[in-house]
Structures are given as structure tokens and as C-alpha cells.
Amino acid sequence: MKVFLKPSLAILFTASVFMTSCSNDEDPIPTNEEELITTVQLYFNPINAAGNIPTATYRDIDGPGGQAPTITPVQLNPNTNYALSVTVLDESKTPVGEITEEVEEEGDEHQFFYVPSSGLNLTVTYNDADKNNLPMGINNLATTGAASAGTLKVVLKHQPGQKSATSTVNTGETDVEVSFPITIQ
């Protein structure tokens, strides 16, 4: 007795044999799980001066889309030095996700950049370094000049295998970018 398969069944049988016999036993390549960044805070702690610590805050609890983010501007004193630090959070979680610590742990792959708008008398100098002695930008020195107003763009870049002494704000992938209104008066 001869058994004949219909051509469509023969194709399905052959395809199933090939699909089950071809498997990739290699481990999958781990991916860098991206965190949701909902909050960026800049703390301007006056050096050699008492008083409050001006804080600029960007907050977008529901992430991209949905509700518009809120941005709290900051007012700084003219001709003053500030210890400037940044905190990055995911406030959509409970407990709040502390992303700054992760950025610091992976400092050789991350860098904050600070770009004052034209006319804003503010300079930012790095005051920290990663394990390769390259800047991270979590802790900085901010120096104001004469009265002015503008924005300070803060950009966190992810630069695995790319971070170098010549890295710029255009190197790597952007994790977050925020422009904070700043008034110096």
C-alpha cells in the first residue's frame, strides 16, 4: 500500500522539520534596559554664601504623551559660584526609581552636558569624573556673571564605547534633554 501526501501537507511537514531542527543555542545578547525619566532636578547650592538652594525642576510623571511636563524655572544671583548637582528620577514607580545612581554606576557610558543659551551669563564646569577620569556631569561648578536671562539645556547622553575626552552633546544617544528657564538678577 502506497501513501501519498497532498503537496500542501508535504510542504508543511518539511517546513516543520526544518523549523524544529534549526535552533539557536546561543544566549541572547543582553540589552540595556532603558529607564523612564520623569524628573530632572538641578540644585544650585551657593558656595561661600548662606541661604536657600535654588532648584530647577522638570517633571513629566506620565512620560511622553499625555499630560504636558511642568518646568520650574530658577533665579540665581549675579557673580556667584554654585555647586550644581543634578538628580534624575522615575517617579512613575513606587518606590521612586533613583536613576542618578545608575548613571553614576555606568559613568563610563554616560555624560551630562550643560548648554547655556546665547546671552545667559552662566558657565558650567565639570567637578566629577568616571573610572576613566572623564567627566560625568552629576556634580559641577556653575558660575554666574552679570544679570541676564535665558535657558540652560541639560542633556544626558548614553555613550557606550563612544565616550572620550572629545565627546560632545552630539555623541551617543540622548536619554533626556530639558531646557530650564534661568534668570540671573
Protein backbone atom coordinates (compact mmCIF):
# COMPACT_ATOMS: atom_id res chain seq x y z
CA MET A 1 0.00 0.00 0.00
CA LYS A 2 1.37 3.34 -1.01
CA VAL A 3 0.81 6.52 1.00
CA PHE A 4 0.57 9.76 -0.95
CA LEU A 5 0.67 13.17 0.76
CA LYS A 6 -1.02 16.09 -0.76
CA PRO A 7 1.58 18.67 -1.91
CA SER A 8 0.46 21.25 0.69
CA LEU A 9 0.81 18.71 3.53
CA ALA A 10 4.25 17.68 2.28
CA ILE A 11 5.41 21.32 2.34
CA LEU A 12 4.07 21.82 5.88
CA PHE A 13 5.75 18.62 7.08
CA THR A 14 9.11 19.62 5.54
CA ALA A 15 8.91 23.17 6.94
CA SER A 16 8.12 21.91 10.44
CA VAL A 17 11.13 19.58 10.36
CA PHE A 18 13.43 22.46 9.38
CA MET A 19 11.95 24.86 11.94
CA THR A 20 12.35 22.47 14.83
CA SER A 21 15.82 21.33 13.85
CA CYS A 22 17.22 24.86 13.45
CA SER A 23 17.56 26.38 16.85
CA ASN A 24 19.98 28.96 18.15
CA ASP A 25 21.50 27.68 21.38
CA GLU A 26 23.42 30.91 21.98
CA ASP A 27 22.39 33.17 24.83
CA PRO A 28 20.55 36.27 23.72
CA ILE A 29 22.54 39.49 23.72
CA PRO A 30 21.65 41.45 26.86
CA THR A 31 20.05 44.78 26.15
CA ASN A 32 20.45 47.95 28.14
CA GLU A 33 17.04 48.34 29.73
CA GLU A 34 16.08 51.98 29.40
CA GLU A 35 14.52 53.65 32.38
CA LEU A 36 11.67 56.11 32.16
CA ILE A 37 12.99 59.51 33.20
CA THR A 38 10.10 61.53 34.61
CA THR A 39 12.01 64.08 36.69
CA VAL A 40 15.20 66.10 36.38
CA GLN A 41 16.23 68.44 39.21
CA LEU A 42 19.09 70.93 39.25
CA TYR A 43 20.32 72.08 42.66
CA PHE A 44 22.30 75.33 42.76
CA ASN A 45 23.98 75.38 46.18
CA PRO A 46 25.69 78.78 46.70
CA ILE A 47 29.37 78.43 47.58
CA ASN A 48 30.53 80.66 50.46
CA ALA A 49 27.04 82.05 50.95
CA ALA A 50 24.17 81.14 53.21
CA GLY A 51 20.58 80.94 52.08
CA ASN A 52 18.23 78.84 50.11
CA ILE A 53 19.28 76.38 47.39
CA PRO A 54 17.60 77.41 44.13
CA THR A 55 16.18 74.31 42.42
CA ALA A 56 15.03 73.97 38.81
CA THR A 57 12.69 71.03 38.21
CA TYR A 58 11.37 69.24 35.13
CA ARG A 59 8.56 66.79 35.86
CA ASP A 60 6.58 64.60 33.45
CA ILE A 61 5.13 61.84 35.62
CA ASP A 62 3.20 60.09 32.84
CA GLY A 63 6.16 60.15 30.42
CA PRO A 64 5.98 61.13 26.75
CA GLY A 65 2.49 61.99 25.56
CA GLY A 66 -0.39 62.50 27.96
CA GLN A 67 -0.09 65.46 30.30
CA ALA A 68 2.38 68.20 29.40
CA PRO A 69 5.51 68.34 31.57
CA THR A 70 5.98 71.07 34.16
CA ILE A 71 9.20 73.03 34.33
CA THR A 72 10.07 75.15 37.34
CA PRO A 73 12.45 77.99 36.45
CA VAL A 74 15.23 79.15 38.73
CA GLN A 75 16.57 82.57 39.74
CA LEU A 76 20.27 82.90 40.53
CA ASN A 77 22.36 85.72 41.97
CA PRO A 78 24.80 87.53 39.70
CA ASN A 79 28.56 86.99 40.07
CA THR A 80 28.12 83.91 42.25
CA ASN A 81 29.61 80.41 42.32
CA TYR A 82 27.27 77.48 42.86
CA ALA A 83 27.85 73.78 43.46
CA LEU A 84 25.49 72.46 40.77
CA SER A 85 24.22 68.90 41.06
CA VAL A 86 21.63 67.00 39.08
CA THR A 87 19.18 64.32 40.16
CA VAL A 88 17.30 62.10 37.69
CA LEU A 89 14.27 60.11 38.84
CA ASP A 90 11.48 57.83 37.65
CA GLU A 91 8.56 59.00 39.77
CA SER A 92 6.08 56.77 37.93
CA LYS A 93 7.20 53.91 40.23
CA THR A 94 6.66 53.20 43.91
CA PRO A 95 9.17 53.48 45.38
CA VAL A 96 10.62 56.21 43.18
CA GLY A 97 13.36 54.98 40.83
CA GLU A 98 16.68 56.72 41.57
CA ILE A 99 18.26 56.87 38.10
CA THR A 100 21.13 59.16 39.11
CA GLU A 101 22.77 56.26 40.94
CA GLU A 102 22.57 54.07 37.83
CA VAL A 103 24.08 56.85 35.71
CA GLU A 104 26.93 57.16 38.21
CA GLU A 105 27.50 53.38 38.27
CA GLU A 106 27.67 53.40 34.48
CA GLY A 107 29.61 56.67 34.41
CA ASP A 108 31.96 55.44 31.70
CA GLU A 109 28.91 55.22 29.40
CA HIS A 110 27.09 58.43 30.39
CA GLN A 111 27.70 62.16 30.41
CA PHE A 112 25.56 65.18 31.21
CA PHE A 113 26.06 68.24 29.01
CA TYR A 114 25.10 71.79 30.01
CA VAL A 115 24.46 74.27 27.20
CA PRO A 116 23.53 77.86 28.20
CA SER A 117 21.54 79.83 25.63
CA SER A 118 23.15 82.80 23.97
CA GLY A 119 23.10 85.79 26.29
CA LEU A 120 22.79 83.80 29.53
CA ASN A 121 25.81 84.70 31.68
CA LEU A 122 26.30 81.22 33.12
CA THR A 123 29.17 78.76 32.75
CA VAL A 124 29.19 75.17 33.97
CA THR A 125 32.40 73.28 34.71
CA TYR A 126 32.52 69.55 35.47
CA ASN A 127 33.52 68.64 39.02
CA ASP A 128 33.42 64.83 38.83
CA ALA A 129 34.86 62.00 36.76
CA ASP A 130 34.19 58.38 35.86
CA LYS A 131 36.63 55.48 36.31
CA ASN A 132 38.44 56.60 33.13
CA ASN A 133 38.84 60.15 34.51
CA LEU A 134 36.29 61.52 32.02
CA PRO A 135 33.55 63.93 33.15
CA MET A 136 30.10 62.67 34.16
CA GLY A 137 28.41 65.98 34.98
CA ILE A 138 26.47 64.90 38.07
CA ASN A 139 28.44 67.35 40.23
CA ASN A 140 29.58 70.63 38.74
CA LEU A 141 30.57 74.22 39.37
CA ALA A 142 28.17 76.84 37.98
CA THR A 143 29.35 80.45 37.81
CA THR A 144 27.05 83.36 37.06
CA GLY A 145 28.07 86.70 35.60
CA ALA A 146 26.07 89.88 35.20
CA ALA A 147 22.26 89.96 35.22
CA SER A 148 20.76 88.08 32.27
CA ALA A 149 18.06 85.60 31.31
CA GLY A 150 17.83 82.56 29.07
CA THR A 151 17.79 78.79 29.25
CA LEU A 152 20.18 76.10 30.37
CA LYS A 153 19.80 73.00 28.22
CA VAL A 154 20.69 69.82 30.13
CA VAL A 155 21.31 66.70 28.06
CA LEU A 156 22.09 63.21 29.37
CA LYS A 157 23.85 61.14 26.73
CA HIS A 158 24.31 57.37 26.69
CA GLN A 159 27.69 56.73 25.03
CA PRO A 160 28.76 53.08 25.42
CA GLY A 161 32.06 52.60 23.60
CA GLN A 162 31.92 56.22 22.39
CA LYS A 163 32.66 58.35 25.44
CA SER A 164 36.01 60.10 25.17
CA ALA A 165 37.80 63.31 26.11
CA THR A 166 36.38 64.85 22.93
CA SER A 167 32.74 63.72 23.37
CA THR A 168 30.18 66.40 22.60
CA VAL A 169 26.47 66.83 23.12
CA ASN A 170 26.09 65.11 19.71
CA THR A 171 27.92 61.91 20.75
CA GLY A 172 25.74 58.92 21.62
CA GLU A 173 22.02 58.53 22.24
CA THR A 174 20.00 61.08 24.19
CA ASP A 175 18.44 59.71 27.38
CA VAL A 176 16.89 63.04 28.35
CA GLU A 177 17.03 66.67 27.16
CA VAL A 178 15.47 69.56 29.07
CA SER A 179 15.78 73.35 28.77
CA PHE A 180 15.40 75.16 32.08
CA PRO A 181 14.49 78.88 32.18
CA ILE A 182 17.17 80.73 34.18
CA THR A 183 17.14 84.32 35.40
CA ILE A 184 20.23 85.95 36.89
CA GLN A 185 19.35 89.07 38.88
